[in-house]
N, C-alpha and C. Protein backbone atom coordinates (compact mmCIF):
# COMPACT_ATOMS: atom_id res chain seq x y z
N MET A 1 -18.48 6.40 5.83
CA MET A 1 -17.99 5.04 5.71
C MET A 1 -17.11 4.75 6.93
N ASP A 2 -17.34 3.59 7.52
CA ASP A 2 -16.57 3.26 8.72
C ASP A 2 -15.16 2.76 8.35
N ASN A 3 -14.31 2.70 9.35
CA ASN A 3 -12.90 2.35 9.16
C ASN A 3 -12.73 0.94 8.60
N THR A 4 -13.59 0.02 9.01
CA THR A 4 -13.51 -1.36 8.53
C THR A 4 -13.78 -1.42 7.03
N ALA A 5 -14.76 -0.68 6.56
CA ALA A 5 -15.07 -0.65 5.13
C ALA A 5 -13.92 -0.03 4.35
N ARG A 6 -13.33 1.03 4.88
CA ARG A 6 -12.19 1.68 4.21
C ARG A 6 -11.02 0.71 4.10
N LYS A 7 -10.75 -0.04 5.17
CA LYS A 7 -9.66 -1.01 5.14
C LYS A 7 -9.93 -2.10 4.11
N ARG A 8 -11.18 -2.53 4.02
CA ARG A 8 -11.55 -3.58 3.08
C ARG A 8 -11.37 -3.10 1.63
N ILE A 9 -11.78 -1.88 1.34
CA ILE A 9 -11.63 -1.33 0.00
C ILE A 9 -10.15 -1.16 -0.34
N ARG A 10 -9.39 -0.63 0.59
CA ARG A 10 -7.95 -0.45 0.37
C ARG A 10 -7.28 -1.80 0.09
N ALA A 11 -7.62 -2.81 0.86
CA ALA A 11 -7.05 -4.14 0.66
C ALA A 11 -7.45 -4.72 -0.69
N ALA A 12 -8.68 -4.47 -1.11
CA ALA A 12 -9.15 -4.96 -2.42
C ALA A 12 -8.37 -4.30 -3.55
N ILE A 13 -8.07 -3.02 -3.42
CA ILE A 13 -7.30 -2.31 -4.44
C ILE A 13 -5.89 -2.89 -4.52
N VAL A 14 -5.26 -3.07 -3.37
CA VAL A 14 -3.90 -3.64 -3.33
C VAL A 14 -3.91 -5.04 -3.93
N ALA A 15 -4.88 -5.86 -3.57
CA ALA A 15 -4.95 -7.23 -4.09
C ALA A 15 -5.13 -7.24 -5.60
N ALA A 16 -6.00 -6.40 -6.11
CA ALA A 16 -6.22 -6.32 -7.56
C ALA A 16 -4.95 -5.89 -8.28
N ALA A 17 -4.28 -4.88 -7.75
CA ALA A 17 -3.05 -4.39 -8.37
C ALA A 17 -1.97 -5.46 -8.36
N MET A 18 -1.79 -6.12 -7.23
CA MET A 18 -0.75 -7.15 -7.13
C MET A 18 -1.02 -8.31 -8.08
N GLU A 19 -2.27 -8.68 -8.22
CA GLU A 19 -2.63 -9.75 -9.15
C GLU A 19 -2.27 -9.34 -10.58
N LEU A 20 -2.62 -8.14 -10.96
CA LEU A 20 -2.29 -7.65 -12.30
C LEU A 20 -0.78 -7.58 -12.52
N PHE A 21 -0.07 -7.01 -11.57
CA PHE A 21 1.38 -6.86 -11.71
C PHE A 21 2.07 -8.22 -11.77
N GLU A 22 1.60 -9.16 -10.96
CA GLU A 22 2.22 -10.48 -10.92
C GLU A 22 2.05 -11.21 -12.25
N HIS A 23 0.87 -11.11 -12.82
CA HIS A 23 0.58 -11.87 -14.03
C HIS A 23 0.90 -11.14 -15.33
N ARG A 24 0.91 -9.82 -15.28
CA ARG A 24 1.09 -9.06 -16.53
C ARG A 24 2.17 -7.99 -16.47
N GLY A 25 2.85 -7.88 -15.34
CA GLY A 25 3.92 -6.90 -15.21
C GLY A 25 3.42 -5.54 -14.77
N TYR A 26 4.32 -4.79 -14.16
CA TYR A 26 3.98 -3.48 -13.61
C TYR A 26 3.81 -2.44 -14.72
N ASP A 27 4.75 -2.40 -15.65
CA ASP A 27 4.75 -1.35 -16.67
C ASP A 27 3.54 -1.40 -17.60
N GLY A 28 3.05 -2.59 -17.86
CA GLY A 28 1.95 -2.73 -18.81
C GLY A 28 0.58 -2.46 -18.23
N LYS A 29 0.49 -2.21 -16.95
CA LYS A 29 -0.80 -1.98 -16.30
C LYS A 29 -0.95 -0.53 -15.87
N THR A 30 -2.18 -0.06 -15.90
CA THR A 30 -2.48 1.33 -15.55
C THR A 30 -3.44 1.38 -14.37
N VAL A 31 -3.65 2.57 -13.87
CA VAL A 31 -4.64 2.76 -12.82
C VAL A 31 -6.01 2.31 -13.34
N ALA A 32 -6.30 2.59 -14.60
CA ALA A 32 -7.58 2.16 -15.19
C ALA A 32 -7.73 0.64 -15.11
N ASP A 33 -6.65 -0.09 -15.37
CA ASP A 33 -6.70 -1.56 -15.27
C ASP A 33 -6.98 -1.99 -13.82
N ILE A 34 -6.35 -1.32 -12.88
CA ILE A 34 -6.52 -1.65 -11.46
C ILE A 34 -7.96 -1.41 -11.03
N VAL A 35 -8.51 -0.25 -11.38
CA VAL A 35 -9.87 0.05 -10.94
C VAL A 35 -10.88 -0.89 -11.59
N GLU A 36 -10.62 -1.30 -12.81
CA GLU A 36 -11.52 -2.26 -13.46
C GLU A 36 -11.47 -3.60 -12.74
N THR A 37 -10.27 -4.07 -12.43
CA THR A 37 -10.11 -5.35 -11.74
C THR A 37 -10.71 -5.30 -10.33
N ALA A 38 -10.52 -4.18 -9.64
CA ALA A 38 -11.04 -4.03 -8.27
C ALA A 38 -12.53 -3.68 -8.25
N ASP A 39 -13.08 -3.38 -9.43
CA ASP A 39 -14.49 -3.01 -9.56
C ASP A 39 -14.83 -1.78 -8.72
N ILE A 40 -14.00 -0.75 -8.90
CA ILE A 40 -14.21 0.53 -8.22
C ILE A 40 -14.07 1.65 -9.25
N GLY A 41 -14.36 2.85 -8.86
CA GLY A 41 -14.18 4.00 -9.73
C GLY A 41 -12.79 4.60 -9.58
N THR A 42 -12.40 5.36 -10.58
CA THR A 42 -11.08 6.01 -10.56
C THR A 42 -10.96 6.95 -9.37
N ARG A 43 -12.00 7.70 -9.07
CA ARG A 43 -11.94 8.60 -7.92
C ARG A 43 -11.76 7.84 -6.62
N THR A 44 -12.39 6.68 -6.52
CA THR A 44 -12.21 5.85 -5.32
C THR A 44 -10.76 5.45 -5.19
N PHE A 45 -10.14 5.03 -6.30
CA PHE A 45 -8.72 4.67 -6.27
C PHE A 45 -7.90 5.82 -5.70
N PHE A 46 -8.13 7.02 -6.22
CA PHE A 46 -7.32 8.17 -5.80
C PHE A 46 -7.69 8.69 -4.41
N ASN A 47 -8.77 8.21 -3.83
CA ASN A 47 -9.05 8.51 -2.42
C ASN A 47 -8.12 7.71 -1.51
N TYR A 48 -7.57 6.63 -2.03
CA TYR A 48 -6.72 5.74 -1.23
C TYR A 48 -5.24 5.83 -1.60
N PHE A 49 -4.95 6.09 -2.87
CA PHE A 49 -3.56 6.10 -3.36
C PHE A 49 -3.36 7.27 -4.30
N THR A 50 -2.13 7.77 -4.36
CA THR A 50 -1.83 8.88 -5.27
C THR A 50 -1.35 8.39 -6.63
N SER A 51 -0.94 7.11 -6.70
CA SER A 51 -0.41 6.56 -7.95
C SER A 51 -0.39 5.05 -7.87
N LYS A 52 -0.15 4.40 -9.00
CA LYS A 52 -0.03 2.94 -8.96
C LYS A 52 1.23 2.53 -8.22
N ALA A 53 2.26 3.36 -8.24
CA ALA A 53 3.49 3.06 -7.50
C ALA A 53 3.22 2.97 -6.00
N GLU A 54 2.34 3.81 -5.50
CA GLU A 54 2.03 3.78 -4.08
C GLU A 54 1.32 2.49 -3.68
N VAL A 55 0.60 1.87 -4.62
CA VAL A 55 -0.07 0.61 -4.34
C VAL A 55 0.96 -0.50 -4.09
N VAL A 56 2.09 -0.43 -4.77
CA VAL A 56 3.13 -1.44 -4.62
C VAL A 56 3.74 -1.38 -3.23
N PHE A 57 3.85 -0.19 -2.68
CA PHE A 57 4.44 0.01 -1.36
C PHE A 57 3.43 0.69 -0.44
N PRO A 58 2.31 0.00 -0.14
CA PRO A 58 1.32 0.65 0.72
C PRO A 58 1.89 0.93 2.10
N ASP A 59 1.56 2.07 2.63
CA ASP A 59 1.99 2.48 3.96
C ASP A 59 3.50 2.65 4.10
N ALA A 60 4.18 2.86 2.98
CA ALA A 60 5.63 3.04 3.03
C ALA A 60 6.01 4.22 3.92
N ASP A 61 5.23 5.29 3.87
CA ASP A 61 5.53 6.45 4.70
C ASP A 61 5.47 6.11 6.19
N LEU A 62 4.52 5.26 6.57
CA LEU A 62 4.43 4.86 7.98
C LEU A 62 5.62 4.00 8.39
N ARG A 63 6.07 3.14 7.50
CA ARG A 63 7.22 2.29 7.80
C ARG A 63 8.50 3.11 7.91
N VAL A 64 8.66 4.08 7.03
CA VAL A 64 9.84 4.95 7.10
C VAL A 64 9.82 5.74 8.40
N ARG A 65 8.67 6.28 8.76
CA ARG A 65 8.55 7.05 10.01
C ARG A 65 8.89 6.17 11.21
N ALA A 66 8.41 4.92 11.23
CA ALA A 66 8.70 4.01 12.33
C ALA A 66 10.19 3.71 12.41
N ALA A 67 10.84 3.55 11.26
CA ALA A 67 12.28 3.28 11.26
C ALA A 67 13.05 4.49 11.77
N VAL A 68 12.68 5.67 11.30
CA VAL A 68 13.35 6.89 11.75
C VAL A 68 13.17 7.07 13.26
N ASP A 69 11.97 6.83 13.74
CA ASP A 69 11.72 6.96 15.19
C ASP A 69 12.54 5.95 15.98
N ALA A 70 12.62 4.72 15.50
CA ALA A 70 13.40 3.69 16.20
C ALA A 70 14.88 4.04 16.23
N ILE A 71 15.39 4.55 15.12
CA ILE A 71 16.80 4.94 15.06
C ILE A 71 17.04 6.12 16.00
N ALA A 72 16.12 7.08 16.01
CA ALA A 72 16.26 8.26 16.87
C ALA A 72 16.27 7.88 18.34
N LEU A 73 15.49 6.88 18.69
CA LEU A 73 15.45 6.43 20.08
C LEU A 73 16.71 5.66 20.46
N GLY A 74 17.38 5.11 19.47
CA GLY A 74 18.63 4.41 19.72
C GLY A 74 18.46 3.16 20.56
N SER A 75 17.32 2.56 20.49
CA SER A 75 17.06 1.37 21.30
C SER A 75 17.66 0.12 20.68
N ARG A 76 18.47 -0.55 21.46
CA ARG A 76 19.00 -1.85 21.02
C ARG A 76 17.97 -2.94 21.28
N GLU A 77 17.00 -2.61 22.10
CA GLU A 77 15.96 -3.58 22.44
C GLU A 77 15.03 -3.84 21.25
N THR A 78 14.77 -2.80 20.45
CA THR A 78 13.86 -2.91 19.33
C THR A 78 14.56 -2.43 18.06
N PRO A 79 15.21 -3.35 17.34
CA PRO A 79 15.86 -2.95 16.10
C PRO A 79 14.84 -2.42 15.09
N PRO A 80 15.23 -1.48 14.22
CA PRO A 80 14.30 -0.89 13.26
C PRO A 80 13.54 -1.93 12.43
N ARG A 81 14.18 -3.03 12.08
CA ARG A 81 13.49 -4.00 11.21
C ARG A 81 12.27 -4.62 11.88
N THR A 82 12.25 -4.68 13.21
CA THR A 82 11.12 -5.29 13.89
C THR A 82 9.94 -4.34 14.04
N CYS A 83 10.16 -3.06 13.92
CA CYS A 83 9.07 -2.12 14.12
C CYS A 83 8.52 -1.56 12.82
N CYS A 84 9.22 -1.76 11.71
CA CYS A 84 8.77 -1.08 10.49
C CYS A 84 8.66 -1.99 9.28
N CYS A 85 9.00 -3.23 9.41
CA CYS A 85 8.94 -4.14 8.27
C CYS A 85 7.74 -5.07 8.41
N ALA A 86 7.06 -5.26 7.32
CA ALA A 86 5.91 -6.17 7.35
C ALA A 86 6.40 -7.59 7.56
N PRO A 87 5.63 -8.37 8.28
CA PRO A 87 6.03 -9.76 8.53
C PRO A 87 6.04 -10.58 7.27
């Protein structure tokens, strides 16, 4: 599977989860609900995310790494919020 297809599937999972959480709350929804809404299999979900919590904060590890790197560089030119926060 090419990178574009993987990005599309990942985005579809996030969109399905956000729709469910927005309309029905986070606690009342399960991974099974997300995969049903996204029309994917459970294994496909877990190929992209380790839990439903990770869907809420996709790429959080990349954002944290970017913030740590920016702080380590000590650059006043590029504050951490500009390099690691989604627009």
